[in-house]
Amino acid sequence: MKANIKRLLGWLAVLISLIFSCIWAVWGTIENFHEGWYSLSLWENLFMFFFQYLLISLILVIAALLSLKWRIAGVISHLVLAGSCAWFFFGSHFSVIGLLIVIPLVGLGFLYYFGTPQPKKWAYLVLILIPSLIILALSIPQGIKIAQRVNDEDFGIRIVEGNGVSLAFAPRGPGWPDQGTAWEEAMEIVKYLAEDGLTLLETEQNIWRLPTVEEAVRSMMHHNVNAGGVYDPLTATAMYELTPDKETPIWDPHSQVIYYWTSDTRQDDDRYAYIIVYHGGVFSKRKTDGQDYLSFRAVKSLEPSDSQ
């Protein structure tokens, strides 16, 4: 009877570890290919993949494997993990950090201490194999998709016409920075951008601007073909005939930037402005946000002679 209880507790611990490691494996893999995997270096991409996006999943699996091999080491590893989470999320509400993270991790450590899953070799196998298969199954199609992205490496002024738009997109430089920029800063920069898009002048030029949401959506492309985007301002959503991707001429596939600011502000809360994602999604962000992956690309309307 006692052996059965220990076996039940052990497999319960394995199951809990497996569920959480798989959840983080799914999240990490999806995020890696959404906002990561932009470097020209394969090794840098792999390093970010495993030690940034898959880190939590790896830690959970390692803590579980330690628990199977050495019970005390397993309890300590889960206590350290719980303490690290409490420190990292210090200030969060107890119902989130305490009930959903710290207490479950502590309890999981003691489940391993008092439980013994038998046969252990199967516990080792499922803890390693199942998250690995999930990562592999999600990575292969995403990797193929990224390998097929169009990149003509022309980061100068690009003309985009069709689907109701006729715009010039700024070249790499102050009007298209490869770094995080807040909305107000972006709105200010474009006012001083010279005609060539490469220089900031001392006086306002008002040649360049941020695109509207409508313009951004209608400009999106997939494999050098206009994606056929249409924007509904009532629901703040975009629909496409083709799903856009992080490709030239609009995006730099090897930039960490995956969101561009638009000039439009939310009507119900002017603290927020709309952004567009490389896959065409439209969302609102605080105007004060300026994370590394959030920037802008200035545009200007074309004169008849410009488009010829």
C-alpha atoms as a PDB file:
ATOM      1  CA  MET A   1       0.000   0.000   0.000  1.00  0.00           C
ATOM      2  CA  LYS A   2       2.786   2.403   0.958  1.00  0.00           C
ATOM      3  CA  ALA A   3       4.684   1.558  -2.226  1.00  0.00           C
ATOM      4  CA  ASN A   4       1.590   2.289  -4.318  1.00  0.00           C
ATOM      5  CA  ILE A   5       1.152   5.691  -2.675  1.00  0.00           C
ATOM      6  CA  LYS A   6       4.809   6.546  -3.324  1.00  0.00           C
ATOM      7  CA  ARG A   7       4.425   5.451  -6.929  1.00  0.00           C
ATOM      8  CA  LEU A   8       1.270   7.562  -7.315  1.00  0.00           C
ATOM      9  CA  LEU A   9       2.917  10.640  -5.784  1.00  0.00           C
ATOM     10  CA  GLY A  10       5.969  10.151  -7.976  1.00  0.00           C
ATOM     11  CA  TRP A  11       4.014   9.925 -11.208  1.00  0.00           C
ATOM     12  CA  LEU A  12       1.847  12.859 -10.148  1.00  0.00           C
ATOM     13  CA  ALA A  13       5.033  14.914  -9.778  1.00  0.00           C
ATOM     14  CA  VAL A  14       6.260  13.755 -13.195  1.00  0.00           C
ATOM     15  CA  LEU A  15       2.915  14.637 -14.765  1.00  0.00           C
ATOM     16  CA  ILE A  16       2.916  18.136 -13.260  1.00  0.00           C
ATOM     17  CA  SER A  17       6.506  18.755 -14.378  1.00  0.00           C
ATOM     18  CA  LEU A  18       5.657  17.455 -17.835  1.00  0.00           C
ATOM     19  CA  ILE A  19       2.595  19.688 -18.206  1.00  0.00           C
ATOM     20  CA  PHE A  20       4.456  22.852 -17.197  1.00  0.00           C
ATOM     21  CA  SER A  21       7.592  22.057 -19.208  1.00  0.00           C
ATOM     22  CA  CYS A  22       5.470  21.364 -22.292  1.00  0.00           C
ATOM     23  CA  ILE A  23       3.500  24.593 -21.885  1.00  0.00           C
ATOM     24  CA  TRP A  24       6.725  26.592 -21.684  1.00  0.00           C
ATOM     25  CA  ALA A  25       8.200  24.603 -24.573  1.00  0.00           C
ATOM     26  CA  VAL A  26       5.229  25.570 -26.766  1.00  0.00           C
ATOM     27  CA  TRP A  27       5.379  29.216 -25.683  1.00  0.00           C
ATOM     28  CA  GLY A  28       9.158  29.428 -26.038  1.00  0.00           C
ATOM     29  CA  THR A  29       9.261  27.864 -29.483  1.00  0.00           C
ATOM     30  CA  ILE A  30       6.462  30.052 -30.830  1.00  0.00           C
ATOM     31  CA  GLU A  31       8.011  33.222 -29.385  1.00  0.00           C
ATOM     32  CA  ASN A  32      11.447  32.297 -30.671  1.00  0.00           C
ATOM     33  CA  PHE A  33      10.249  32.195 -34.249  1.00  0.00           C
ATOM     34  CA  HIS A  34       7.951  35.194 -33.760  1.00  0.00           C
ATOM     35  CA  GLU A  35      10.301  37.754 -32.204  1.00  0.00           C
ATOM     36  CA  GLY A  36      13.606  35.896 -32.262  1.00  0.00           C
ATOM     37  CA  TRP A  37      15.662  34.061 -34.891  1.00  0.00           C
ATOM     38  CA  TYR A  38      16.676  37.304 -36.615  1.00  0.00           C
ATOM     39  CA  SER A  39      20.466  37.122 -36.312  1.00  0.00           C
ATOM     40  CA  LEU A  40      22.701  36.419 -39.301  1.00  0.00           C
ATOM     41  CA  SER A  41      24.551  33.955 -37.078  1.00  0.00           C
ATOM     42  CA  LEU A  42      23.039  30.481 -36.727  1.00  0.00           C
ATOM     43  CA  TRP A  43      24.865  29.964 -33.435  1.00  0.00           C
ATOM     44  CA  GLU A  44      23.502  33.208 -31.998  1.00  0.00           C
ATOM     45  CA  ASN A  45      19.987  32.199 -33.025  1.00  0.00           C
ATOM     46  CA  LEU A  46      20.404  28.783 -31.422  1.00  0.00           C
ATOM     47  CA  PHE A  47      21.837  30.323 -28.259  1.00  0.00           C
ATOM     48  CA  MET A  48      18.826  32.646 -27.909  1.00  0.00           C
ATOM     49  CA  PHE A  49      16.485  29.769 -28.663  1.00  0.00           C
ATOM     50  CA  PHE A  50      17.761  27.496 -25.905  1.00  0.00           C
ATOM     51  CA  PHE A  51      18.962  29.969 -23.293  1.00  0.00           C
ATOM     52  CA  GLN A  52      16.295  32.637 -23.639  1.00  0.00           C
ATOM     53  CA  TYR A  53      13.091  31.258 -25.071  1.00  0.00           C
ATOM     54  CA  LEU A  54      13.378  27.662 -23.864  1.00  0.00           C
ATOM     55  CA  LEU A  55      15.126  28.476 -20.592  1.00  0.00           C
ATOM     56  CA  ILE A  56      12.112  27.965 -18.303  1.00  0.00           C
ATOM     57  CA  SER A  57      11.198  24.668 -19.946  1.00  0.00           C
ATOM     58  CA  LEU A  58      14.797  23.462 -19.662  1.00  0.00           C
ATOM     59  CA  ILE A  59      15.011  24.463 -15.985  1.00  0.00           C
ATOM     60  CA  LEU A  60      11.789  22.600 -15.184  1.00  0.00           C
ATOM     61  CA  VAL A  61      13.019  19.457 -16.922  1.00  0.00           C
ATOM     62  CA  ILE A  62      16.450  19.630 -15.242  1.00  0.00           C
ATOM     63  CA  ALA A  63      14.856  20.145 -11.814  1.00  0.00           C
ATOM     64  CA  ALA A  64      12.647  17.097 -12.414  1.00  0.00           C
ATOM     65  CA  LEU A  65      15.596  14.953 -13.527  1.00  0.00           C
ATOM     66  CA  LEU A  66      17.582  16.022 -10.457  1.00  0.00           C
ATOM     67  CA  SER A  67      14.633  15.056  -8.290  1.00  0.00           C
ATOM     68  CA  LEU A  68      14.503  11.593  -9.807  1.00  0.00           C
ATOM     69  CA  LYS A  69      18.217  11.040  -9.285  1.00  0.00           C
ATOM     70  CA  TRP A  70      18.773  12.771  -5.924  1.00  0.00           C
ATOM     71  CA  ARG A  71      15.731  13.595  -3.784  1.00  0.00           C
ATOM     72  CA  ILE A  72      17.340  16.252  -1.589  1.00  0.00           C
ATOM     73  CA  ALA A  73      18.935  17.952  -4.594  1.00  0.00           C
ATOM     74  CA  GLY A  74      15.506  17.912  -6.239  1.00  0.00           C
ATOM     75  CA  VAL A  75      13.831  19.606  -3.281  1.00  0.00           C
ATOM     76  CA  ILE A  76      16.595  22.217  -3.121  1.00  0.00           C
ATOM     77  CA  SER A  77      16.387  22.914  -6.859  1.00  0.00           C
ATOM     78  CA  HIS A  78      12.625  23.466  -6.671  1.00  0.00           C
ATOM     79  CA  LEU A  79      12.991  25.699  -3.602  1.00  0.00           C
ATOM     80  CA  VAL A  80      15.673  27.745  -5.363  1.00  0.00           C
ATOM     81  CA  LEU A  81      13.464  27.999  -8.445  1.00  0.00           C
ATOM     82  CA  ALA A  82      10.495  29.120  -6.334  1.00  0.00           C
ATOM     83  CA  GLY A  83      12.654  31.691  -4.544  1.00  0.00           C
ATOM     84  CA  SER A  84      14.039  32.992  -7.817  1.00  0.00           C
ATOM     85  CA  CYS A  85      10.521  33.447  -9.195  1.00  0.00           C
ATOM     86  CA  ALA A  86       9.433  35.252  -6.025  1.00  0.00           C
ATOM     87  CA  TRP A  87      12.418  37.587  -6.350  1.00  0.00           C
ATOM     88  CA  PHE A  88      11.956  38.162 -10.090  1.00  0.00           C
ATOM     89  CA  PHE A  89       8.234  38.888  -9.761  1.00  0.00           C
ATOM     90  CA  PHE A  90       8.600  40.815  -6.494  1.00  0.00           C
ATOM     91  CA  GLY A  91       5.665  43.164  -6.069  1.00  0.00           C
ATOM     92  CA  SER A  92       3.205  40.987  -7.988  1.00  0.00           C
ATOM     93  CA  HIS A  93      -0.057  40.051  -6.327  1.00  0.00           C
ATOM     94  CA  PHE A  94       0.123  36.962  -4.086  1.00  0.00           C
ATOM     95  CA  SER A  95      -2.718  35.303  -5.986  1.00  0.00           C
ATOM     96  CA  VAL A  96      -0.456  35.276  -9.048  1.00  0.00           C
ATOM     97  CA  ILE A  97       3.083  34.744  -7.800  1.00  0.00           C
ATOM     98  CA  GLY A  98       2.213  32.840  -4.648  1.00  0.00           C
ATOM     99  CA  LEU A  99      -0.678  30.617  -5.618  1.00  0.00           C
ATOM    100  CA  LEU A 100       0.258  30.011  -9.248  1.00  0.00           C
ATOM    101  CA  ILE A 101       4.062  29.804  -9.104  1.00  0.00           C
ATOM    102  CA  VAL A 102       5.816  29.646  -5.711  1.00  0.00           C
ATOM    103  CA  ILE A 103       3.523  27.267  -3.812  1.00  0.00           C
ATOM    104  CA  PRO A 104       3.148  24.820  -6.740  1.00  0.00           C
ATOM    105  CA  LEU A 105       6.945  24.696  -7.201  1.00  0.00           C
ATOM    106  CA  VAL A 106       7.554  24.048  -3.503  1.00  0.00           C
ATOM    107  CA  GLY A 107       4.838  21.406  -3.466  1.00  0.00           C
ATOM    108  CA  LEU A 108       6.274  19.795  -6.582  1.00  0.00           C
ATOM    109  CA  GLY A 109       9.681  19.475  -4.930  1.00  0.00           C
ATOM    110  CA  PHE A 110       8.192  17.644  -1.964  1.00  0.00           C
ATOM    111  CA  LEU A 111       6.082  15.422  -4.224  1.00  0.00           C
ATOM    112  CA  TYR A 112       9.320  14.195  -5.761  1.00  0.00           C
ATOM    113  CA  TYR A 113      10.860  13.794  -2.294  1.00  0.00           C
ATOM    114  CA  PHE A 114       8.056  11.571  -0.980  1.00  0.00           C
ATOM    115  CA  GLY A 115       7.175   9.896  -4.262  1.00  0.00           C
ATOM    116  CA  THR A 116       8.970   7.361  -6.412  1.00  0.00           C
ATOM    117  CA  PRO A 117       7.696   6.861  -9.961  1.00  0.00           C
ATOM    118  CA  GLN A 118       8.276   3.307 -11.122  1.00  0.00           C
ATOM    119  CA  PRO A 119       9.767   2.353 -13.448  1.00  0.00           C
ATOM    120  CA  LYS A 120      12.068   5.369 -13.265  1.00  0.00           C
ATOM    121  CA  LYS A 121      13.420   4.886 -16.749  1.00  0.00           C
ATOM    122  CA  TRP A 122       9.974   5.708 -18.131  1.00  0.00           C
ATOM    123  CA  ALA A 123       9.838   8.851 -16.022  1.00  0.00           C
ATOM    124  CA  TYR A 124      13.205   9.949 -17.415  1.00  0.00           C
ATOM    125  CA  LEU A 125      12.053   9.141 -20.929  1.00  0.00           C
ATOM    126  CA  VAL A 126       8.775  11.077 -20.914  1.00  0.00           C
ATOM    127  CA  LEU A 127      10.327  14.115 -19.203  1.00  0.00           C
ATOM    128  CA  ILE A 128      12.948  14.410 -21.925  1.00  0.00           C
ATOM    129  CA  LEU A 129      11.221  13.003 -24.995  1.00  0.00           C
ATOM    130  CA  ILE A 130       7.800  14.701 -24.969  1.00  0.00           C
ATOM    131  CA  PRO A 131       8.999  18.343 -24.640  1.00  0.00           C
ATOM    132  CA  SER A 132      11.703  17.595 -27.233  1.00  0.00           C
ATOM    133  CA  LEU A 133       9.135  16.265 -29.712  1.00  0.00           C
ATOM    134  CA  ILE A 134       6.925  19.321 -29.165  1.00  0.00           C
ATOM    135  CA  ILE A 135       9.861  21.671 -29.781  1.00  0.00           C
ATOM    136  CA  LEU A 136      10.851  19.754 -32.911  1.00  0.00           C
ATOM    137  CA  ALA A 137       7.304  19.586 -34.293  1.00  0.00           C
ATOM    138  CA  LEU A 138       6.826  23.351 -33.901  1.00  0.00           C
ATOM    139  CA  SER A 139      10.323  24.343 -35.019  1.00  0.00           C
ATOM    140  CA  ILE A 140      10.483  22.511 -38.361  1.00  0.00           C
ATOM    141  CA  PRO A 141       7.584  24.303 -40.129  1.00  0.00           C
ATOM    142  CA  GLN A 142       8.549  27.661 -38.603  1.00  0.00           C
ATOM    143  CA  GLY A 143      12.157  27.203 -39.667  1.00  0.00           C
ATOM    144  CA  ILE A 144      11.071  26.376 -43.221  1.00  0.00           C
ATOM    145  CA  LYS A 145       8.856  29.476 -43.291  1.00  0.00           C
ATOM    146  CA  ILE A 146      11.702  31.744 -42.160  1.00  0.00           C
ATOM    147  CA  ALA A 147      14.092  30.204 -44.703  1.00  0.00           C
ATOM    148  CA  GLN A 148      11.637  31.131 -47.484  1.00  0.00           C
ATOM    149  CA  ARG A 149      11.347  34.813 -46.526  1.00  0.00           C
ATOM    150  CA  VAL A 150      12.106  37.323 -49.266  1.00  0.00           C
ATOM    151  CA  ASN A 151      15.137  39.503 -48.504  1.00  0.00           C
ATOM    152  CA  ASP A 152      16.567  41.526 -51.403  1.00  0.00           C
ATOM    153  CA  GLU A 153      18.849  43.407 -48.966  1.00  0.00           C
ATOM    154  CA  ASP A 154      17.787  46.763 -50.414  1.00  0.00           C
ATOM    155  CA  PHE A 155      17.250  48.959 -47.368  1.00  0.00           C
ATOM    156  CA  GLY A 156      17.059  52.258 -49.185  1.00  0.00           C
ATOM    157  CA  ILE A 157      13.912  54.219 -50.048  1.00  0.00           C
ATOM    158  CA  ARG A 158      11.274  51.750 -51.234  1.00  0.00           C
ATOM    159  CA  ILE A 159       8.228  52.589 -53.306  1.00  0.00           C
ATOM    160  CA  VAL A 160       5.048  50.671 -52.457  1.00  0.00           C
ATOM    161  CA  GLU A 161       2.025  51.139 -54.713  1.00  0.00           C
ATOM    162  CA  GLY A 162      -1.226  49.266 -55.061  1.00  0.00           C
ATOM    163  CA  ASN A 163      -4.222  48.301 -52.959  1.00  0.00           C
ATOM    164  CA  GLY A 164      -5.122  51.968 -52.575  1.00  0.00           C
ATOM    165  CA  VAL A 165      -1.705  53.217 -51.382  1.00  0.00           C
ATOM    166  CA  SER A 166       1.155  55.051 -53.046  1.00  0.00           C
ATOM    167  CA  LEU A 167       3.948  55.585 -50.543  1.00  0.00           C
ATOM    168  CA  ALA A 168       7.698  55.877 -50.230  1.00  0.00           C
ATOM    169  CA  PHE A 169       9.152  54.097 -47.206  1.00  0.00           C
ATOM    170  CA  ALA A 170      12.199  55.681 -45.572  1.00  0.00           C
ATOM    171  CA  PRO A 171      15.679  54.162 -45.930  1.00  0.00           C
ATOM    172  CA  ARG A 172      17.636  52.691 -43.044  1.00  0.00           C
ATOM    173  CA  GLY A 173      18.616  55.585 -40.815  1.00  0.00           C
ATOM    174  CA  PRO A 174      16.850  58.056 -38.532  1.00  0.00           C
ATOM    175  CA  GLY A 175      13.557  57.482 -40.333  1.00  0.00           C
ATOM    176  CA  TRP A 176      13.898  53.719 -40.025  1.00  0.00           C
ATOM    177  CA  PRO A 177      15.929  52.980 -36.892  1.00  0.00           C
ATOM    178  CA  ASP A 178      16.870  49.478 -35.872  1.00  0.00           C
ATOM    179  CA  GLN A 179      16.165  50.172 -32.211  1.00  0.00           C
ATOM    180  CA  GLY A 180      13.263  50.675 -29.858  1.00  0.00           C
ATOM    181  CA  THR A 181      11.521  54.049 -30.125  1.00  0.00           C
ATOM    182  CA  ALA A 182       8.551  55.493 -28.233  1.00  0.00           C
ATOM    183  CA  TRP A 183       5.627  56.943 -30.189  1.00  0.00           C
ATOM    184  CA  GLU A 184       6.144  60.592 -29.243  1.00  0.00           C
ATOM    185  CA  GLU A 185       9.827  60.352 -30.161  1.00  0.00           C
ATOM    186  CA  ALA A 186       8.983  58.770 -33.508  1.00  0.00           C
ATOM    187  CA  MET A 187       6.413  61.476 -34.249  1.00  0.00           C
ATOM    188  CA  GLU A 188       9.027  64.133 -33.493  1.00  0.00           C
ATOM    189  CA  ILE A 189      11.836  62.548 -35.516  1.00  0.00           C
ATOM    190  CA  VAL A 190       9.869  62.328 -38.760  1.00  0.00           C
ATOM    191  CA  LYS A 191       9.170  66.082 -38.702  1.00  0.00           C
ATOM    192  CA  TYR A 192      12.882  66.845 -39.096  1.00  0.00           C
ATOM    193  CA  LEU A 193      13.728  64.146 -41.628  1.00  0.00           C
ATOM    194  CA  ALA A 194      15.319  65.462 -44.826  1.00  0.00           C
ATOM    195  CA  GLU A 195      14.048  64.673 -48.303  1.00  0.00           C
ATOM    196  CA  ASP A 196      16.542  61.823 -48.735  1.00  0.00           C
ATOM    197  CA  GLY A 197      15.397  60.238 -45.465  1.00  0.00           C
ATOM    198  CA  LEU A 198      18.972  59.931 -44.274  1.00  0.00           C
ATOM    199  CA  THR A 199      19.480  63.168 -42.366  1.00  0.00           C
ATOM    200  CA  LEU A 200      17.817  64.995 -39.488  1.00  0.00           C
ATOM    201  CA  LEU A 201      17.748  68.758 -40.020  1.00  0.00           C
ATOM    202  CA  GLU A 202      17.527  71.515 -37.425  1.00  0.00           C
ATOM    203  CA  THR A 203      14.163  72.816 -38.630  1.00  0.00           C
ATOM    204  CA  GLU A 204      10.921  70.990 -39.284  1.00  0.00           C
ATOM    205  CA  GLN A 205      10.597  69.694 -42.836  1.00  0.00           C
ATOM    206  CA  ASN A 206       7.284  67.835 -42.527  1.00  0.00           C
ATOM    207  CA  ILE A 207       8.105  65.736 -45.569  1.00  0.00           C
ATOM    208  CA  TRP A 208       7.964  62.371 -43.849  1.00  0.00           C
ATOM    209  CA  ARG A 209       5.417  61.038 -41.352  1.00  0.00           C
ATOM    210  CA  LEU A 210       4.202  57.880 -39.696  1.00  0.00           C
ATOM    211  CA  PRO A 211       1.713  55.898 -41.787  1.00  0.00           C
ATOM    212  CA  THR A 212      -1.894  55.618 -40.742  1.00  0.00           C
ATOM    213  CA  VAL A 213      -3.146  52.175 -39.747  1.00  0.00           C
ATOM    214  CA  GLU A 214      -5.075  52.011 -43.018  1.00  0.00           C
ATOM    215  CA  GLU A 215      -1.939  52.755 -45.039  1.00  0.00           C
ATOM    216  CA  ALA A 216       0.174  50.283 -43.083  1.00  0.00           C
ATOM    217  CA  VAL A 217      -2.335  47.474 -43.546  1.00  0.00           C
ATOM    218  CA  ARG A 218      -2.800  48.135 -47.258  1.00  0.00           C
ATOM    219  CA  SER A 219       0.982  48.228 -47.793  1.00  0.00           C
ATOM    220  CA  MET A 220       1.749  44.835 -46.263  1.00  0.00           C
ATOM    221  CA  MET A 221       3.244  42.249 -48.595  1.00  0.00           C
ATOM    222  CA  HIS A 222       3.933  38.540 -48.902  1.00  0.00           C
ATOM    223  CA  HIS A 223       6.698  37.292 -51.218  1.00  0.00           C
ATOM    224  CA  ASN A 224       6.779  40.606 -53.141  1.00  0.00           C
ATOM    225  CA  VAL A 225       3.022  40.543 -53.694  1.00  0.00           C
ATOM    226  CA  ASN A 226       0.613  42.918 -51.986  1.00  0.00           C
ATOM    227  CA  ALA A 227      -1.178  40.967 -49.271  1.00  0.00           C
ATOM    228  CA  GLY A 228      -4.544  42.556 -50.057  1.00  0.00           C
ATOM    229  CA  GLY A 229      -5.022  43.997 -46.601  1.00  0.00           C
ATOM    230  CA  VAL A 230      -8.212  45.778 -45.571  1.00  0.00           C
ATOM    231  CA  TYR A 231      -8.603  47.590 -42.253  1.00  0.00           C
ATOM    232  CA  ASP A 232     -11.858  47.897 -40.287  1.00  0.00           C
ATOM    233  CA  PRO A 233     -11.603  50.967 -38.016  1.00  0.00           C
ATOM    234  CA  LEU A 234     -14.745  50.017 -36.088  1.00  0.00           C
ATOM    235  CA  THR A 235     -13.209  46.808 -34.775  1.00  0.00           C
ATOM    236  CA  ALA A 236      -9.548  47.843 -35.221  1.00  0.00           C
ATOM    237  CA  THR A 237      -8.823  44.617 -37.100  1.00  0.00           C
ATOM    238  CA  ALA A 238      -7.160  43.809 -40.416  1.00  0.00           C
ATOM    239  CA  MET A 239      -8.017  41.111 -42.942  1.00  0.00           C
ATOM    240  CA  TYR A 240      -5.695  39.846 -45.681  1.00  0.00           C
ATOM    241  CA  GLU A 241      -5.918  37.767 -48.821  1.00  0.00           C
ATOM    242  CA  LEU A 242      -2.354  36.601 -48.098  1.00  0.00           C
ATOM    243  CA  THR A 243      -0.731  36.496 -44.659  1.00  0.00           C
ATOM    244  CA  PRO A 244       2.102  39.067 -44.622  1.00  0.00           C
ATOM    245  CA  ASP A 245       5.546  38.165 -43.356  1.00  0.00           C
ATOM    246  CA  LYS A 246       8.745  39.827 -42.147  1.00  0.00           C
ATOM    247  CA  GLU A 247      10.115  40.524 -45.620  1.00  0.00           C
ATOM    248  CA  THR A 248      11.499  43.299 -47.770  1.00  0.00           C
ATOM    249  CA  PRO A 249      10.552  45.855 -48.957  1.00  0.00           C
ATOM    250  CA  ILE A 250       8.669  46.790 -45.758  1.00  0.00           C
ATOM    251  CA  TRP A 251      10.630  44.880 -43.117  1.00  0.00           C
ATOM    252  CA  ASP A 252      14.194  43.820 -42.461  1.00  0.00           C
ATOM    253  CA  PRO A 253      14.146  40.051 -41.805  1.00  0.00           C
ATOM    254  CA  HIS A 254      17.365  40.347 -39.776  1.00  0.00           C
ATOM    255  CA  SER A 255      16.166  43.132 -37.496  1.00  0.00           C
ATOM    256  CA  GLN A 256      14.840  42.518 -34.010  1.00  0.00           C
ATOM    257  CA  VAL A 257      12.059  45.016 -34.764  1.00  0.00           C
ATOM    258  CA  ILE A 258       8.737  43.260 -35.357  1.00  0.00           C
ATOM    259  CA  TYR A 259       6.307  46.121 -34.608  1.00  0.00           C
ATOM    260  CA  TYR A 260       5.954  49.522 -36.288  1.00  0.00           C
ATOM    261  CA  TRP A 261       4.144  52.521 -34.865  1.00  0.00           C
ATOM    262  CA  THR A 262       1.360  54.125 -36.864  1.00  0.00           C
ATOM    263  CA  SER A 263       0.158  57.710 -36.495  1.00  0.00           C
ATOM    264  CA  ASP A 264      -3.302  56.700 -35.255  1.00  0.00           C
ATOM    265  CA  THR A 265      -4.270  57.051 -31.606  1.00  0.00           C
ATOM    266  CA  ARG A 266      -6.932  55.027 -29.860  1.00  0.00           C
ATOM    267  CA  GLN A 267     -10.145  57.045 -29.707  1.00  0.00           C
ATOM    268  CA  ASP A 268     -11.129  55.798 -26.255  1.00  0.00           C
ATOM    269  CA  ASP A 269      -7.706  56.344 -24.657  1.00  0.00           C
ATOM    270  CA  ASP A 270      -5.154  58.737 -26.160  1.00  0.00           C
ATOM    271  CA  ARG A 271      -2.390  57.204 -24.059  1.00  0.00           C
ATOM    272  CA  TYR A 272      -2.320  54.406 -26.643  1.00  0.00           C
ATOM    273  CA  ALA A 273      -1.414  54.375 -30.330  1.00  0.00           C
ATOM    274  CA  TYR A 274      -1.825  51.596 -32.878  1.00  0.00           C
ATOM    275  CA  ILE A 275       1.018  49.384 -34.052  1.00  0.00           C
ATOM    276  CA  ILE A 276       1.247  46.908 -36.888  1.00  0.00           C
ATOM    277  CA  VAL A 277       3.000  43.538 -36.600  1.00  0.00           C
ATOM    278  CA  TYR A 278       4.992  42.059 -39.465  1.00  0.00           C
ATOM    279  CA  HIS A 279       2.309  39.367 -39.895  1.00  0.00           C
ATOM    280  CA  GLY A 280      -0.297  42.105 -40.346  1.00  0.00           C
ATOM    281  CA  GLY A 281      -1.919  42.168 -36.910  1.00  0.00           C
ATOM    282  CA  VAL A 282      -3.027  45.513 -35.501  1.00  0.00           C
ATOM    283  CA  PHE A 283      -2.833  46.227 -31.773  1.00  0.00           C
ATOM    284  CA  SER A 284      -2.532  49.209 -29.469  1.00  0.00           C
ATOM    285  CA  LYS A 285       0.435  49.978 -27.239  1.00  0.00           C
ATOM    286  CA  ARG A 286       1.187  52.668 -24.692  1.00  0.00           C
ATOM    287  CA  LYS A 287       2.825  55.591 -26.443  1.00  0.00           C
ATOM    288  CA  THR A 288       5.597  55.507 -23.856  1.00  0.00           C
ATOM    289  CA  ASP A 289       6.608  51.957 -24.826  1.00  0.00           C
ATOM    290  CA  GLY A 290       9.893  51.685 -26.676  1.00  0.00           C
ATOM    291  CA  GLN A 291      11.120  48.123 -26.367  1.00  0.00           C
ATOM    292  CA  ASP A 292      13.858  46.930 -28.715  1.00  0.00           C
ATOM    293  CA  TYR A 293      11.321  45.160 -30.912  1.00  0.00           C
ATOM    294  CA  LEU A 294       9.053  48.240 -31.276  1.00  0.00           C
ATOM    295  CA  SER A 295      10.121  50.988 -33.680  1.00  0.00           C
ATOM    296  CA  PHE A 296       8.854  52.770 -36.798  1.00  0.00           C
ATOM    297  CA  ARG A 297       9.411  53.344 -40.494  1.00  0.00           C
ATOM    298  CA  ALA A 298       8.552  56.774 -41.856  1.00  0.00           C
ATOM    299  CA  VAL A 299       6.622  57.211 -45.091  1.00  0.00           C
ATOM    300  CA  LYS A 300       5.789  60.016 -47.467  1.00  0.00           C
ATOM    301  CA  SER A 301       3.076  60.300 -50.067  1.00  0.00           C
ATOM    302  CA  LEU A 302       4.302  60.123 -53.648  1.00  0.00           C
ATOM    303  CA  GLU A 303       4.025  62.947 -56.087  1.00  0.00           C
ATOM    304  CA  PRO A 304       2.917  61.885 -59.580  1.00  0.00           C
ATOM    305  CA  SER A 305       6.489  62.198 -60.870  1.00  0.00           C
ATOM    306  CA  ASP A 306       7.880  60.074 -58.011  1.00  0.00           C
ATOM    307  CA  SER A 307       5.956  56.957 -58.997  1.00  0.00           C
ATOM    308  CA  GLN A 308       6.998  57.061 -62.630  1.00  0.00           C
END
